[in-house]
Amino acid sequence: MTFGERLIELRKERGFTNRSDFADYIGMPSTTLRNYEKNAREPGHIFLKQMANIFNVSVDYLLCMTDDRTPPEKNPIFSNVEIEHIEKYRSLDDSGRSHVDTVLKWESDRMKQIEQVPAAIVELHNGSNEKGRLIDYYRSVSAGSGEVIFDDVYSERITLPDIPEYRRVAYAVKVDGRSMEPLYNDGDVLLIEPTCEVQIGEIGIFNVNGQAYVKKLGKDKLISLNKGYGDVPLTEDSLCMGRVVGKL
């Protein structure tokens, strides 16, 4: 049984024989629900949790990984990693929690937007049978004096070839500034792998005092490759938002 077949089965058990009626009930376009039921798109964690709660089953049951319907509240609620994150969050002061809340809201909004768009795997219109993958494209990140981007929902979506070297990429950003020349120029589109930690010497996207930068990570500062620009001192509240894995 596939995820789509199980979703249809549970929907009908709940009394929703008509797909459109159930789509209205959960506040989702009928076409999006159809894509899930036809296995035309992968379910995200937000949708999976919503369905698990509605049908009172486990996420593993939804994904056909088990025949045990035991609802989530009877299973461990958090993984060890999630528990560790909660403990770290509780140890933060108000400023640190504010920064984490900002990143979580940004990522949550991004996932909600993804849930509302057509299937992420599309055909590239280049005369071949090659498939592409849609990702979010944010308008800019600073390679200069810093730019606030957290209040902005992504402005558009772009298509990447669905090839192994791009599988880690979740979103793209446009460089604004020249501080990372000659490696990255003003206007370049960078491909970003989401992570909260990069190694010293790697280039990432960082939030320092509410400003977003693309820089090389140093021991206690963010380093500009262009010597005509200054470095950015790190603070206790500085956050890593992702690792730069390449550019278009």
Protein backbone atom coordinates (compact mmCIF):
# COMPACT_ATOMS: atom_id res chain seq x y z
CA MET A 1 0.00 0.00 0.00
CA THR A 2 1.20 3.52 -0.80
CA PHE A 3 0.79 6.68 1.26
CA GLY A 4 -1.85 7.92 -1.17
CA GLU A 5 -3.88 4.72 -0.89
CA ARG A 6 -3.73 4.84 2.90
CA LEU A 7 -4.83 8.47 2.90
CA ILE A 8 -7.85 7.61 0.73
CA GLU A 9 -8.68 4.67 3.01
CA LEU A 10 -8.58 6.81 6.15
CA ARG A 11 -10.52 9.63 4.51
CA LYS A 12 -13.35 7.28 3.55
CA GLU A 13 -13.32 5.63 7.00
CA ARG A 14 -13.87 9.10 8.44
CA GLY A 15 -16.96 9.49 6.24
CA PHE A 16 -15.51 11.73 3.54
CA THR A 17 -16.28 9.79 0.36
CA ASN A 18 -15.89 12.97 -1.66
CA ARG A 19 -12.34 14.31 -1.93
CA SER A 20 -13.47 17.92 -2.32
CA ASP A 21 -15.47 17.77 0.91
CA PHE A 22 -12.43 16.58 2.84
CA ALA A 23 -10.23 19.20 1.18
CA ASP A 24 -12.66 21.89 2.36
CA TYR A 25 -12.66 20.37 5.86
CA ILE A 26 -8.87 20.62 6.21
CA GLY A 27 -8.59 23.94 4.36
CA MET A 28 -6.58 22.66 1.40
CA PRO A 29 -7.14 23.03 -2.36
CA SER A 30 -8.71 19.88 -3.80
CA THR A 31 -5.99 19.69 -6.45
CA THR A 32 -3.28 19.61 -3.76
CA LEU A 33 -5.07 16.81 -1.90
CA ARG A 34 -5.44 14.92 -5.17
CA ASN A 35 -1.68 15.11 -5.71
CA TYR A 36 -1.11 13.54 -2.30
CA GLU A 37 -3.64 10.78 -2.94
CA LYS A 38 -2.19 10.08 -6.38
CA ASN A 39 1.37 10.03 -4.94
CA ALA A 40 2.25 12.92 -7.25
CA ARG A 41 3.97 14.81 -4.41
CA GLU A 42 5.73 13.91 -1.18
CA PRO A 43 3.91 14.80 2.05
CA GLY A 44 5.63 17.40 4.24
CA HIS A 45 5.90 17.13 8.01
CA ILE A 46 3.15 19.73 8.58
CA PHE A 47 0.66 17.80 6.46
CA LEU A 48 1.65 14.46 8.00
CA LYS A 49 1.13 15.75 11.55
CA GLN A 50 -2.21 17.26 10.56
CA MET A 51 -3.43 13.96 9.08
CA ALA A 52 -2.13 11.95 12.06
CA ASN A 53 -4.13 14.18 14.41
CA ILE A 54 -7.31 14.07 12.32
CA PHE A 55 -7.28 10.29 11.88
CA ASN A 56 -5.83 9.56 15.33
CA VAL A 57 -3.03 7.40 13.94
CA SER A 58 0.75 7.48 13.97
CA VAL A 59 2.79 9.10 11.21
CA ASP A 60 4.48 5.73 10.63
CA TYR A 61 1.06 4.23 9.92
CA LEU A 62 0.30 7.01 7.44
CA LEU A 63 3.58 6.31 5.65
CA CYS A 64 2.83 2.55 5.55
CA MET A 65 5.87 1.78 7.69
CA THR A 66 3.75 -0.15 10.18
CA ASP A 67 0.27 -1.65 10.55
CA ASP A 68 0.04 -0.33 14.11
CA ARG A 69 -2.43 2.55 14.26
CA THR A 70 -1.29 3.63 17.74
CA PRO A 71 -1.98 7.38 17.83
CA PRO A 72 0.87 9.85 18.36
CA GLU A 73 0.08 10.54 22.02
CA LYS A 74 0.73 6.88 22.85
CA ASN A 75 4.08 6.94 21.09
CA PRO A 76 7.16 8.93 22.15
CA ILE A 77 6.25 12.53 21.26
CA PHE A 78 9.81 13.77 20.75
CA SER A 79 12.93 12.21 19.34
CA ASN A 80 16.21 12.48 21.26
CA VAL A 81 17.35 15.23 18.91
CA GLU A 82 14.13 17.19 19.47
CA ILE A 83 14.48 16.84 23.24
CA GLU A 84 18.05 18.14 23.00
CA HIS A 85 16.86 21.15 21.00
CA ILE A 86 14.17 21.91 23.58
CA GLU A 87 16.71 21.76 26.41
CA LYS A 88 19.02 24.13 24.53
CA TYR A 89 16.14 26.51 23.84
CA ARG A 90 15.22 26.62 27.52
CA SER A 91 18.81 27.53 28.40
CA LEU A 92 18.71 30.66 26.19
CA ASP A 93 18.03 34.18 27.41
CA ASP A 94 15.24 36.33 25.92
CA SER A 95 17.47 37.61 23.13
CA GLY A 96 18.55 34.11 22.10
CA ARG A 97 14.98 32.81 22.16
CA SER A 98 13.88 35.75 20.02
CA HIS A 99 16.45 34.87 17.35
CA VAL A 100 15.44 31.18 17.37
CA ASP A 101 11.75 32.13 17.19
CA THR A 102 12.49 34.30 14.16
CA VAL A 103 14.23 31.48 12.29
CA LEU A 104 11.50 28.97 13.21
CA LYS A 105 8.76 31.32 12.00
CA TRP A 106 10.66 31.93 8.77
CA GLU A 107 11.08 28.20 8.10
CA SER A 108 7.51 27.40 9.17
CA ASP A 109 6.14 30.02 6.77
CA ARG A 110 8.34 28.60 4.02
CA MET A 111 7.00 25.08 4.57
CA LYS A 112 3.40 26.33 4.63
CA GLN A 113 3.99 28.01 1.28
CA ILE A 114 5.43 24.78 -0.13
CA GLU A 115 2.34 22.86 1.03
CA GLN A 116 0.13 25.13 -1.11
CA VAL A 117 1.99 24.84 -4.44
CA PRO A 118 1.84 22.08 -7.08
CA ALA A 119 4.12 19.06 -6.93
CA ALA A 120 7.76 20.03 -6.51
CA ILE A 121 9.05 17.70 -9.22
CA VAL A 122 8.41 19.17 -12.66
CA GLU A 123 9.52 18.52 -16.23
CA LEU A 124 12.15 20.88 -17.59
CA HIS A 125 11.05 22.44 -20.85
CA ASN A 126 14.32 21.94 -22.68
CA GLY A 127 13.34 19.20 -25.08
CA SER A 128 14.56 16.40 -22.78
CA ASN A 129 12.94 14.06 -20.29
CA GLU A 130 15.01 15.51 -17.45
CA LYS A 131 13.17 16.30 -14.24
CA GLY A 132 13.53 19.43 -12.16
CA ARG A 133 12.89 20.38 -8.54
CA LEU A 134 11.28 23.63 -7.38
CA ILE A 135 12.99 25.57 -4.59
CA ASP A 136 12.38 28.91 -2.91
CA TYR A 137 14.34 31.90 -4.19
CA TYR A 138 14.86 34.75 -1.73
CA ARG A 139 15.53 38.19 -3.10
CA SER A 140 18.89 38.88 -1.45
CA VAL A 141 21.43 38.23 1.26
CA SER A 142 24.19 40.69 1.98
CA ALA A 143 27.78 40.31 0.87
CA GLY A 144 28.41 43.75 2.30
CA SER A 145 26.92 45.62 5.24
CA GLY A 146 24.04 43.29 6.05
CA GLU A 147 20.41 43.08 5.01
CA VAL A 148 17.26 42.16 6.90
CA ILE A 149 15.43 39.31 5.14
CA PHE A 150 13.42 37.62 7.86
CA ASP A 151 10.28 39.66 7.36
CA ASP A 152 10.03 38.67 3.71
CA VAL A 153 8.28 35.62 2.29
CA TYR A 154 10.20 34.32 -0.72
CA SER A 155 9.53 36.32 -3.85
CA GLU A 156 9.52 33.48 -6.36
CA ARG A 157 10.45 29.85 -7.05
CA ILE A 158 13.10 28.52 -9.38
CA THR A 159 13.75 25.08 -10.86
CA LEU A 160 16.92 23.06 -10.30
CA PRO A 161 17.79 19.87 -12.18
CA ASP A 162 16.86 16.93 -9.95
CA ILE A 163 20.41 15.57 -9.73
CA PRO A 164 22.35 14.20 -6.71
CA GLU A 165 24.60 17.25 -6.22
CA TYR A 166 21.53 19.46 -5.76
CA ARG A 167 19.58 17.16 -3.41
CA ARG A 168 20.87 18.98 -0.29
CA VAL A 169 19.74 22.36 -1.60
CA ALA A 170 16.53 23.70 -0.04
CA TYR A 171 16.53 27.32 -1.18
CA ALA A 172 18.48 29.95 -3.11
CA VAL A 173 19.45 33.55 -2.34
CA LYS A 174 20.72 36.40 -4.47
CA VAL A 175 23.99 38.05 -3.42
CA ASP A 176 23.79 41.77 -2.71
CA GLY A 177 27.26 43.28 -2.49
CA ARG A 178 30.89 42.61 -3.40
CA SER A 179 32.51 41.57 -0.12
CA MET A 180 32.81 37.91 -1.23
CA GLU A 181 34.51 38.60 -4.54
CA PRO A 182 36.12 36.99 -6.43
CA LEU A 183 34.32 33.79 -5.36
CA TYR A 184 30.80 35.23 -5.33
CA ASN A 185 29.85 38.37 -7.23
CA ASP A 186 27.04 40.86 -6.77
CA GLY A 187 23.89 39.31 -8.26
CA ASP A 188 25.04 35.68 -8.07
CA VAL A 189 22.39 33.15 -7.04
CA LEU A 190 23.68 30.94 -4.22
CA LEU A 191 22.38 27.45 -3.44
CA ILE A 192 21.84 26.84 0.28
CA GLU A 193 21.78 23.67 2.38
CA PRO A 194 19.83 24.30 5.62
CA THR A 195 21.97 23.73 8.71
CA CYS A 196 22.48 25.45 12.04
CA GLU A 197 26.21 24.74 12.09
CA VAL A 198 29.09 25.07 9.62
CA GLN A 199 32.80 24.47 10.14
CA ILE A 200 35.41 27.21 10.42
CA GLY A 201 36.53 28.04 6.90
CA GLU A 202 33.19 27.18 5.30
CA ILE A 203 30.92 29.79 3.73
CA GLY A 204 27.40 30.12 5.03
CA ILE A 205 24.41 32.37 5.59
CA PHE A 206 24.45 34.00 9.02
CA ASN A 207 22.15 36.17 11.10
CA VAL A 208 24.02 38.71 13.21
CA ASN A 209 21.88 41.19 15.14
CA GLY A 210 18.97 40.68 12.78
CA GLN A 211 21.10 41.23 9.65
CA ALA A 212 21.75 38.46 7.13
CA TYR A 213 25.21 37.93 5.66
CA VAL A 214 26.96 35.51 3.32
CA LYS A 215 30.47 35.16 4.74
CA LYS A 216 33.29 32.75 5.50
CA LEU A 217 33.18 31.55 9.11
CA GLY A 218 36.17 32.47 11.25
CA LYS A 219 36.87 31.69 14.89
CA ASP A 220 35.17 34.79 16.27
CA LYS A 221 34.10 36.69 13.16
CA LEU A 222 32.61 36.42 9.70
CA ILE A 223 35.30 36.96 7.08
CA SER A 224 34.98 38.94 3.84
CA LEU A 225 37.04 37.52 0.96
CA ASN A 226 37.31 40.96 -0.64
CA LYS A 227 39.95 42.78 1.43
CA GLY A 228 38.25 46.08 0.63
CA TYR A 229 35.48 45.12 3.06
CA GLY A 230 35.65 44.64 6.81
CA ASP A 231 34.86 41.47 8.71
CA VAL A 232 31.76 41.10 10.91
CA PRO A 233 32.31 40.27 14.61
CA LEU A 234 30.24 37.36 15.87
CA THR A 235 28.02 37.85 18.92
CA GLU A 236 26.56 35.34 21.38
CA ASP A 237 23.24 35.58 19.55
CA SER A 238 24.65 35.02 16.05
CA LEU A 239 22.91 32.22 14.13
CA CYS A 240 23.90 30.06 11.19
CA MET A 241 21.04 29.73 8.69
CA GLY A 242 22.65 27.48 6.10
CA ARG A 243 25.75 26.38 4.17
CA VAL A 244 26.55 27.66 0.66
CA VAL A 245 27.03 24.60 -1.54
CA GLY A 246 27.33 26.31 -4.92
CA LYS A 247 25.82 28.85 -7.26
CA LEU A 248 23.79 28.93 -10.45
